[in-house]
Amino acid sequence: MPEFQKLSREEIEALTPGKKPSQRARIREEYQNFLRDIHPGEGGEVQVAEGENRTTIRNRLKAAAKALDKKISFLRTRGDILRFRVEA
């Protein structure tokens, strides 16, 4: 007799190919979620992790801001920190 096992909706979605967002889409969503609650005049700071590229993170922030119709400017920093301000 075969063994039967019930799968939850989450398990089915995890096993269904093509249903999960790509890594690029997940990263884009993460950056947009971060910027969504930052309003003009406010800013943010990003700690660059080891193995990550400052330029890549900066470009992702700029792309996320553009998708949200926000303009950001970067403040000069040294080391592994990026600081930015959302412009009005």
PDB file of N, CA and C in Angstrom:
ATOM      1  N   MET A   1       0.849  -1.176   0.000  1.00  0.00           N
ATOM      2  CA  MET A   1       0.000   0.000   0.000  1.00  0.00           C
ATOM      3  C   MET A   1       0.896   1.241   0.000  1.00  0.00           C
ATOM      4  N   PRO A   2       0.601   2.250  -0.814  1.00  0.00           N
ATOM      5  CA  PRO A   2       1.407   3.470  -0.835  1.00  0.00           C
ATOM      6  C   PRO A   2       1.185   4.295   0.432  1.00  0.00           C
ATOM      7  N   GLU A   3       2.170   5.132   0.732  1.00  0.00           N
ATOM      8  CA  GLU A   3       2.043   6.037   1.875  1.00  0.00           C
ATOM      9  C   GLU A   3       1.538   7.380   1.373  1.00  0.00           C
ATOM     10  N   PHE A   4       0.552   7.908   2.032  1.00  0.00           N
ATOM     11  CA  PHE A   4      -0.026   9.198   1.672  1.00  0.00           C
ATOM     12  C   PHE A   4       0.409  10.244   2.688  1.00  0.00           C
ATOM     13  N   GLN A   5       0.612  11.456   2.189  1.00  0.00           N
ATOM     14  CA  GLN A   5       1.005  12.549   3.073  1.00  0.00           C
ATOM     15  C   GLN A   5       0.324  13.817   2.605  1.00  0.00           C
ATOM     16  N   LYS A   6      -0.334  14.480   3.529  1.00  0.00           N
ATOM     17  CA  LYS A   6      -0.991  15.743   3.213  1.00  0.00           C
ATOM     18  C   LYS A   6       0.058  16.854   3.205  1.00  0.00           C
ATOM     19  N   LEU A   7      -0.025  17.754   2.212  1.00  0.00           N
ATOM     20  CA  LEU A   7       0.883  18.895   2.112  1.00  0.00           C
ATOM     21  C   LEU A   7       0.090  20.182   2.318  1.00  0.00           C
ATOM     22  N   SER A   8       0.661  21.091   3.072  1.00  0.00           N
ATOM     23  CA  SER A   8       0.004  22.377   3.305  1.00  0.00           C
ATOM     24  C   SER A   8       0.105  23.244   2.049  1.00  0.00           C
ATOM     25  N   ARG A   9      -0.636  24.314   2.043  1.00  0.00           N
ATOM     26  CA  ARG A   9      -0.600  25.250   0.918  1.00  0.00           C
ATOM     27  C   ARG A   9       0.811  25.811   0.732  1.00  0.00           C
ATOM     28  N   GLU A  10       1.490  26.133   1.854  1.00  0.00           N
ATOM     29  CA  GLU A  10       2.851  26.661   1.783  1.00  0.00           C
ATOM     30  C   GLU A  10       3.815  25.637   1.186  1.00  0.00           C
ATOM     31  N   GLU A  11       3.649  24.372   1.565  1.00  0.00           N
ATOM     32  CA  GLU A  11       4.524  23.323   1.028  1.00  0.00           C
ATOM     33  C   GLU A  11       4.311  23.150  -0.474  1.00  0.00           C
ATOM     34  N   ILE A  12       3.061  23.205  -0.904  1.00  0.00           N
ATOM     35  CA  ILE A  12       2.752  23.076  -2.335  1.00  0.00           C
ATOM     36  C   ILE A  12       3.365  24.244  -3.106  1.00  0.00           C
ATOM     37  N   GLU A  13       3.214  25.464  -2.575  1.00  0.00           N
ATOM     38  CA  GLU A  13       3.773  26.635  -3.256  1.00  0.00           C
ATOM     39  C   GLU A  13       5.293  26.561  -3.338  1.00  0.00           C
ATOM     40  N   ALA A  14       5.922  26.031  -2.290  1.00  0.00           N
ATOM     41  CA  ALA A  14       7.380  25.908  -2.293  1.00  0.00           C
ATOM     42  C   ALA A  14       7.855  24.883  -3.318  1.00  0.00           C
ATOM     43  N   LEU A  15       7.042  23.888  -3.601  1.00  0.00           N
ATOM     44  CA  LEU A  15       7.423  22.829  -4.531  1.00  0.00           C
ATOM     45  C   LEU A  15       7.016  23.118  -5.971  1.00  0.00           C
ATOM     46  N   THR A  16       6.165  24.114  -6.176  1.00  0.00           N
ATOM     47  CA  THR A  16       5.673  24.422  -7.510  1.00  0.00           C
ATOM     48  C   THR A  16       6.692  25.284  -8.247  1.00  0.00           C
ATOM     49  N   PRO A  17       7.246  24.781  -9.349  1.00  0.00           N
ATOM     50  CA  PRO A  17       8.223  25.583 -10.088  1.00  0.00           C
ATOM     51  C   PRO A  17       7.554  26.785 -10.759  1.00  0.00           C
ATOM     52  N   GLY A  18       8.300  27.869 -10.821  1.00  0.00           N
ATOM     53  CA  GLY A  18       7.796  29.059 -11.488  1.00  0.00           C
ATOM     54  C   GLY A  18       6.917  29.933 -10.617  1.00  0.00           C
ATOM     55  N   LYS A  19       6.534  29.463  -9.470  1.00  0.00           N
ATOM     56  CA  LYS A  19       5.671  30.236  -8.595  1.00  0.00           C
ATOM     57  C   LYS A  19       6.462  31.166  -7.684  1.00  0.00           C
ATOM     58  N   LYS A  20       7.698  30.798  -7.376  1.00  0.00           N
ATOM     59  CA  LYS A  20       8.501  31.597  -6.463  1.00  0.00           C
ATOM     60  C   LYS A  20       9.138  32.757  -7.224  1.00  0.00           C
ATOM     61  N   PRO A  21       9.223  33.909  -6.574  1.00  0.00           N
ATOM     62  CA  PRO A  21       9.908  35.020  -7.244  1.00  0.00           C
ATOM     63  C   PRO A  21      11.396  34.724  -7.373  1.00  0.00           C
ATOM     64  N   SER A  22      11.993  35.277  -8.388  1.00  0.00           N
ATOM     65  CA  SER A  22      13.424  35.067  -8.607  1.00  0.00           C
ATOM     66  C   SER A  22      14.224  35.760  -7.505  1.00  0.00           C
ATOM     67  N   GLN A  23      15.490  35.418  -7.419  1.00  0.00           N
ATOM     68  CA  GLN A  23      16.355  36.051  -6.426  1.00  0.00           C
ATOM     69  C   GLN A  23      16.428  37.552  -6.676  1.00  0.00           C
ATOM     70  N   ARG A  24      16.497  37.930  -7.924  1.00  0.00           N
ATOM     71  CA  ARG A  24      16.548  39.351  -8.280  1.00  0.00           C
ATOM     72  C   ARG A  24      15.283  40.070  -7.815  1.00  0.00           C
ATOM     73  N   ALA A  25      14.126  39.438  -8.003  1.00  0.00           N
ATOM     74  CA  ALA A  25      12.863  40.045  -7.580  1.00  0.00           C
ATOM     75  C   ALA A  25      12.786  40.149  -6.057  1.00  0.00           C
ATOM     76  N   ARG A  26      13.285  39.140  -5.353  1.00  0.00           N
ATOM     77  CA  ARG A  26      13.282  39.184  -3.886  1.00  0.00           C
ATOM     78  C   ARG A  26      14.180  40.311  -3.375  1.00  0.00           C
ATOM     79  N   ILE A  27      15.340  40.472  -3.982  1.00  0.00           N
ATOM     80  CA  ILE A  27      16.260  41.544  -3.577  1.00  0.00           C
ATOM     81  C   ILE A  27      15.631  42.903  -3.855  1.00  0.00           C
ATOM     82  N   ARG A  28      15.034  43.064  -5.039  1.00  0.00           N
ATOM     83  CA  ARG A  28      14.388  44.328  -5.399  1.00  0.00           C
ATOM     84  C   ARG A  28      13.281  44.663  -4.395  1.00  0.00           C
ATOM     85  N   GLU A  29      12.488  43.670  -4.023  1.00  0.00           N
ATOM     86  CA  GLU A  29      11.401  43.878  -3.067  1.00  0.00           C
ATOM     87  C   GLU A  29      11.944  44.259  -1.687  1.00  0.00           C
ATOM     88  N   GLU A  30      13.042  43.649  -1.286  1.00  0.00           N
ATOM     89  CA  GLU A  30      13.659  43.968   0.005  1.00  0.00           C
ATOM     90  C   GLU A  30      14.110  45.431   0.051  1.00  0.00           C
ATOM     91  N   TYR A  31      14.744  45.893  -0.998  1.00  0.00           N
ATOM     92  CA  TYR A  31      15.206  47.283  -1.057  1.00  0.00           C
ATOM     93  C   TYR A  31      14.017  48.245  -1.100  1.00  0.00           C
ATOM     94  N   GLN A  32      12.982  47.911  -1.865  1.00  0.00           N
ATOM     95  CA  GLN A  32      11.811  48.779  -1.946  1.00  0.00           C
ATOM     96  C   GLN A  32      11.087  48.849  -0.603  1.00  0.00           C
ATOM     97  N   ASN A  33      10.986  47.717   0.091  1.00  0.00           N
ATOM     98  CA  ASN A  33      10.350  47.724   1.409  1.00  0.00           C
ATOM     99  C   ASN A  33      11.117  48.608   2.383  1.00  0.00           C
ATOM    100  N   PHE A  34      12.438  48.581   2.297  1.00  0.00           N
ATOM    101  CA  PHE A  34      13.264  49.425   3.160  1.00  0.00           C
ATOM    102  C   PHE A  34      13.002  50.905   2.881  1.00  0.00           C
ATOM    103  N   LEU A  35      12.933  51.282   1.611  1.00  0.00           N
ATOM    104  CA  LEU A  35      12.769  52.689   1.239  1.00  0.00           C
ATOM    105  C   LEU A  35      11.335  53.199   1.370  1.00  0.00           C
ATOM    106  N   ARG A  36      10.376  52.300   1.375  1.00  0.00           N
ATOM    107  CA  ARG A  36       8.968  52.687   1.360  1.00  0.00           C
ATOM    108  C   ARG A  36       8.599  53.597   2.541  1.00  0.00           C
ATOM    109  N   ASP A  37       9.152  53.341   3.711  1.00  0.00           N
ATOM    110  CA  ASP A  37       8.787  54.101   4.908  1.00  0.00           C
ATOM    111  C   ASP A  37       9.716  55.276   5.190  1.00  0.00           C
ATOM    112  N   ILE A  38      10.611  55.577   4.284  1.00  0.00           N
ATOM    113  CA  ILE A  38      11.510  56.718   4.461  1.00  0.00           C
ATOM    114  C   ILE A  38      10.975  57.870   3.609  1.00  0.00           C
ATOM    115  N   HIS A  39      10.658  58.966   4.280  1.00  0.00           N
ATOM    116  CA  HIS A  39       9.997  60.095   3.629  1.00  0.00           C
ATOM    117  C   HIS A  39      10.999  61.206   3.310  1.00  0.00           C
ATOM    118  N   PRO A  40      10.603  62.156   2.449  1.00  0.00           N
ATOM    119  CA  PRO A  40      11.503  63.260   2.117  1.00  0.00           C
ATOM    120  C   PRO A  40      12.028  63.961   3.370  1.00  0.00           C
ATOM    121  N   GLY A  41      13.318  64.226   3.353  1.00  0.00           N
ATOM    122  CA  GLY A  41      13.972  64.839   4.495  1.00  0.00           C
ATOM    123  C   GLY A  41      14.595  63.820   5.437  1.00  0.00           C
ATOM    124  N   GLU A  42      14.139  62.587   5.357  1.00  0.00           N
ATOM    125  CA  GLU A  42      14.706  61.515   6.164  1.00  0.00           C
ATOM    126  C   GLU A  42      15.779  60.812   5.349  1.00  0.00           C
ATOM    127  N   GLY A  43      16.479  59.922   5.978  1.00  0.00           N
ATOM    128  CA  GLY A  43      17.530  59.200   5.274  1.00  0.00           C
ATOM    129  C   GLY A  43      17.715  57.819   5.843  1.00  0.00           C
ATOM    130  N   GLY A  44      18.793  57.197   5.427  1.00  0.00           N
ATOM    131  CA  GLY A  44      19.076  55.852   5.894  1.00  0.00           C
ATOM    132  C   GLY A  44      20.551  55.556   5.827  1.00  0.00           C
ATOM    133  N   GLU A  45      20.891  54.455   6.431  1.00  0.00           N
ATOM    134  CA  GLU A  45      22.277  54.008   6.475  1.00  0.00           C
ATOM    135  C   GLU A  45      22.289  52.513   6.196  1.00  0.00           C
ATOM    136  N   VAL A  46      23.216  52.087   5.370  1.00  0.00           N
ATOM    137  CA  VAL A  46      23.338  50.678   5.015  1.00  0.00           C
ATOM    138  C   VAL A  46      24.748  50.219   5.356  1.00  0.00           C
ATOM    139  N   GLN A  47      24.837  49.157   6.129  1.00  0.00           N
ATOM    140  CA  GLN A  47      26.121  48.544   6.453  1.00  0.00           C
ATOM    141  C   GLN A  47      26.410  47.506   5.372  1.00  0.00           C
ATOM    142  N   VAL A  48      27.492  47.689   4.641  1.00  0.00           N
ATOM    143  CA  VAL A  48      27.863  46.772   3.569  1.00  0.00           C
ATOM    144  C   VAL A  48      28.507  45.535   4.195  1.00  0.00           C
ATOM    145  N   ALA A  49      27.923  44.386   3.934  1.00  0.00           N
ATOM    146  CA  ALA A  49      28.442  43.137   4.492  1.00  0.00           C
ATOM    147  C   ALA A  49      29.684  42.693   3.727  1.00  0.00           C
ATOM    148  N   GLU A  50      30.467  41.878   4.371  1.00  0.00           N
ATOM    149  CA  GLU A  50      31.678  41.350   3.733  1.00  0.00           C
ATOM    150  C   GLU A  50      31.292  40.557   2.490  1.00  0.00           C
ATOM    151  N   GLY A  51      32.002  40.801   1.409  1.00  0.00           N
ATOM    152  CA  GLY A  51      31.724  40.104   0.156  1.00  0.00           C
ATOM    153  C   GLY A  51      30.726  40.827  -0.732  1.00  0.00           C
ATOM    154  N   GLU A  52      30.089  41.882  -0.220  1.00  0.00           N
ATOM    155  CA  GLU A  52      29.162  42.660  -1.028  1.00  0.00           C
ATOM    156  C   GLU A  52      29.886  43.879  -1.591  1.00  0.00           C
ATOM    157  N   ASN A  53      29.331  44.418  -2.653  1.00  0.00           N
ATOM    158  CA  ASN A  53      29.949  45.526  -3.365  1.00  0.00           C
ATOM    159  C   ASN A  53      29.169  46.815  -3.089  1.00  0.00           C
ATOM    160  N   ARG A  54      29.868  47.860  -2.655  1.00  0.00           N
ATOM    161  CA  ARG A  54      29.220  49.154  -2.372  1.00  0.00           C
ATOM    162  C   ARG A  54      28.467  49.689  -3.586  1.00  0.00           C
ATOM    163  N   THR A  55      29.086  49.572  -4.749  1.00  0.00           N
ATOM    164  CA  THR A  55      28.471  50.093  -5.970  1.00  0.00           C
ATOM    165  C   THR A  55      27.184  49.349  -6.294  1.00  0.00           C
ATOM    166  N   THR A  56      27.175  48.052  -6.113  1.00  0.00           N
ATOM    167  CA  THR A  56      25.971  47.260  -6.370  1.00  0.00           C
ATOM    168  C   THR A  56      24.846  47.683  -5.438  1.00  0.00           C
ATOM    169  N   ILE A  57      25.152  47.842  -4.169  1.00  0.00           N
ATOM    170  CA  ILE A  57      24.133  48.246  -3.199  1.00  0.00           C
ATOM    171  C   ILE A  57      23.621  49.647  -3.522  1.00  0.00           C
ATOM    172  N   ARG A  58      24.509  50.524  -3.869  1.00  0.00           N
ATOM    173  CA  ARG A  58      24.123  51.889  -4.243  1.00  0.00           C
ATOM    174  C   ARG A  58      23.189  51.863  -5.455  1.00  0.00           C
ATOM    175  N   ASN A  59      23.532  51.077  -6.466  1.00  0.00           N
ATOM    176  CA  ASN A  59      22.690  50.981  -7.663  1.00  0.00           C
ATOM    177  C   ASN A  59      21.330  50.373  -7.348  1.00  0.00           C
ATOM    178  N   ARG A  60      21.300  49.387  -6.463  1.00  0.00           N
ATOM    179  CA  ARG A  60      20.018  48.786  -6.070  1.00  0.00           C
ATOM    180  C   ARG A  60      19.151  49.794  -5.326  1.00  0.00           C
ATOM    181  N   LEU A  61      19.762  50.594  -4.458  1.00  0.00           N
ATOM    182  CA  LEU A  61      19.010  51.629  -3.749  1.00  0.00           C
ATOM    183  C   LEU A  61      18.448  52.655  -4.727  1.00  0.00           C
ATOM    184  N   LYS A  62      19.255  53.073  -5.694  1.00  0.00           N
ATOM    185  CA  LYS A  62      18.795  54.041  -6.690  1.00  0.00           C
ATOM    186  C   LYS A  62      17.642  53.469  -7.512  1.00  0.00           C
ATOM    187  N   ALA A  63      17.741  52.202  -7.901  1.00  0.00           N
ATOM    188  CA  ALA A  63      16.678  51.570  -8.690  1.00  0.00           C
ATOM    189  C   ALA A  63      15.395  51.438  -7.872  1.00  0.00           C
ATOM    190  N   ALA A  64      15.524  51.072  -6.608  1.00  0.00           N
ATOM    191  CA  ALA A  64      14.348  50.941  -5.744  1.00  0.00           C
ATOM    192  C   ALA A  64      13.689  52.301  -5.537  1.00  0.00           C
ATOM    193  N   ALA A  65      14.494  53.332  -5.342  1.00  0.00           N
ATOM    194  CA  ALA A  65      13.951  54.681  -5.167  1.00  0.00           C
ATOM    195  C   ALA A  65      13.215  55.129  -6.426  1.00  0.00           C
ATOM    196  N   LYS A  66      13.789  54.864  -7.570  1.00  0.00           N
ATOM    197  CA  LYS A  66      13.152  55.246  -8.834  1.00  0.00           C
ATOM    198  C   LYS A  66      11.818  54.529  -9.005  1.00  0.00           C
ATOM    199  N   ALA A  67      11.767  53.246  -8.649  1.00  0.00           N
ATOM    200  CA  ALA A  67      10.524  52.482  -8.764  1.00  0.00           C
ATOM    201  C   ALA A  67       9.440  53.039  -7.844  1.00  0.00           C
ATOM    202  N   LEU A  68       9.853  53.658  -6.745  1.00  0.00           N
ATOM    203  CA  LEU A  68       8.904  54.238  -5.792  1.00  0.00           C
ATOM    204  C   LEU A  68       8.692  55.734  -6.025  1.00  0.00           C
ATOM    205  N   ASP A  69       9.204  56.256  -7.138  1.00  0.00           N
ATOM    206  CA  ASP A  69       9.119  57.687  -7.471  1.00  0.00           C
ATOM    207  C   ASP A  69       9.729  58.561  -6.378  1.00  0.00           C
ATOM    208  N   LYS A  70      10.871  58.120  -5.868  1.00  0.00           N
ATOM    209  CA  LYS A  70      11.604  58.895  -4.873  1.00  0.00           C
ATOM    210  C   LYS A  70      12.971  59.222  -5.441  1.00  0.00           C
ATOM    211  N   LYS A  71      13.519  60.333  -4.981  1.00  0.00           N
ATOM    212  CA  LYS A  71      14.868  60.710  -5.394  1.00  0.00           C
ATOM    213  C   LYS A  71      15.751  60.656  -4.165  1.00  0.00           C
ATOM    214  N   ILE A  72      16.890  59.983  -4.295  1.00  0.00           N
ATOM    215  CA  ILE A  72      17.802  59.908  -3.164  1.00  0.00           C
ATOM    216  C   ILE A  72      19.160  60.472  -3.555  1.00  0.00           C
ATOM    217  N   SER A  73      19.830  61.021  -2.565  1.00  0.00           N
ATOM    218  CA  SER A  73      21.201  61.483  -2.770  1.00  0.00           C
ATOM    219  C   SER A  73      22.067  60.825  -1.701  1.00  0.00           C
ATOM    220  N   PHE A  74      23.280  60.519  -2.082  1.00  0.00           N
ATOM    221  CA  PHE A  74      24.185  59.813  -1.181  1.00  0.00           C
ATOM    222  C   PHE A  74      25.139  60.792  -0.520  1.00  0.00           C
ATOM    223  N   LEU A  75      25.403  60.554   0.745  1.00  0.00           N
ATOM    224  CA  LEU A  75      26.346  61.355   1.514  1.00  0.00           C
ATOM    225  C   LEU A  75      27.695  60.659   1.477  1.00  0.00           C
ATOM    226  N   ARG A  76      28.750  61.436   1.473  1.00  0.00           N
ATOM    227  CA  ARG A  76      30.091  60.845   1.422  1.00  0.00           C
ATOM    228  C   ARG A  76      30.374  60.079   2.706  1.00  0.00           C
ATOM    229  N   THR A  77      30.863  58.869   2.526  1.00  0.00           N
ATOM    230  CA  THR A  77      31.236  58.037   3.670  1.00  0.00           C
ATOM    231  C   THR A  77      32.488  57.257   3.317  1.00  0.00           C
ATOM    232  N   ARG A  78      33.101  56.727   4.328  1.00  0.00           N
ATOM    233  CA  ARG A  78      34.258  55.852   4.138  1.00  0.00           C
ATOM    234  C   ARG A  78      33.929  54.493   4.724  1.00  0.00           C
ATOM    235  N   GLY A  79      34.651  53.517   4.266  1.00  0.00           N
ATOM    236  CA  GLY A  79      34.486  52.185   4.837  1.00  0.00           C
ATOM    237  C   GLY A  79      33.275  51.459   4.291  1.00  0.00           C
ATOM    238  N   ASP A  80      32.632  50.729   5.177  1.00  0.00           N
ATOM    239  CA  ASP A  80      31.553  49.829   4.775  1.00  0.00           C
ATOM    240  C   ASP A  80      30.164  50.387   5.052  1.00  0.00           C
ATOM    241  N   ILE A  81      30.015  51.695   5.043  1.00  0.00           N
ATOM    242  CA  ILE A  81      28.711  52.291   5.316  1.00  0.00           C
ATOM    243  C   ILE A  81      28.310  53.191   4.153  1.00  0.00           C
ATOM    244  N   LEU A  82      27.049  53.066   3.750  1.00  0.00           N
ATOM    245  CA  LEU A  82      26.450  53.970   2.765  1.00  0.00           C
ATOM    246  C   LEU A  82      25.371  54.764   3.488  1.00  0.00           C
ATOM    247  N   ARG A  83      25.370  56.075   3.320  1.00  0.00           N
ATOM    248  CA  ARG A  83      24.328  56.925   3.893  1.00  0.00           C
ATOM    249  C   ARG A  83      23.659  57.685   2.761  1.00  0.00           C
ATOM    250  N   PHE A  84      22.354  57.860   2.906  1.00  0.00           N
ATOM    251  CA  PHE A  84      21.611  58.569   1.870  1.00  0.00           C
ATOM    252  C   PHE A  84      20.489  59.374   2.494  1.00  0.00           C
ATOM    253  N   ARG A  85      19.966  60.288   1.698  1.00  0.00           N
ATOM    254  CA  ARG A  85      18.851  61.135   2.105  1.00  0.00           C
ATOM    255  C   ARG A  85      17.811  61.090   0.993  1.00  0.00           C
ATOM    256  N   VAL A  86      16.535  61.042   1.374  1.00  0.00           N
ATOM    257  CA  VAL A  86      15.448  61.109   0.401  1.00  0.00           C
ATOM    258  C   VAL A  86      15.134  62.581   0.181  1.00  0.00           C
ATOM    259  N   GLU A  87      15.196  62.997  -1.065  1.00  0.00           N
ATOM    260  CA  GLU A  87      14.965  64.397  -1.428  1.00  0.00           C
ATOM    261  C   GLU A  87      13.473  64.664  -1.598  1.00  0.00           C
ATOM    262  N   ALA A  88      13.099  65.920  -1.431  1.00  0.00           N
ATOM    263  CA  ALA A  88      11.693  66.321  -1.589  1.00  0.00           C
ATOM    264  C   ALA A  88      11.313  66.413  -3.045  1.00  0.00           C
TER     265      ALA A  88
END
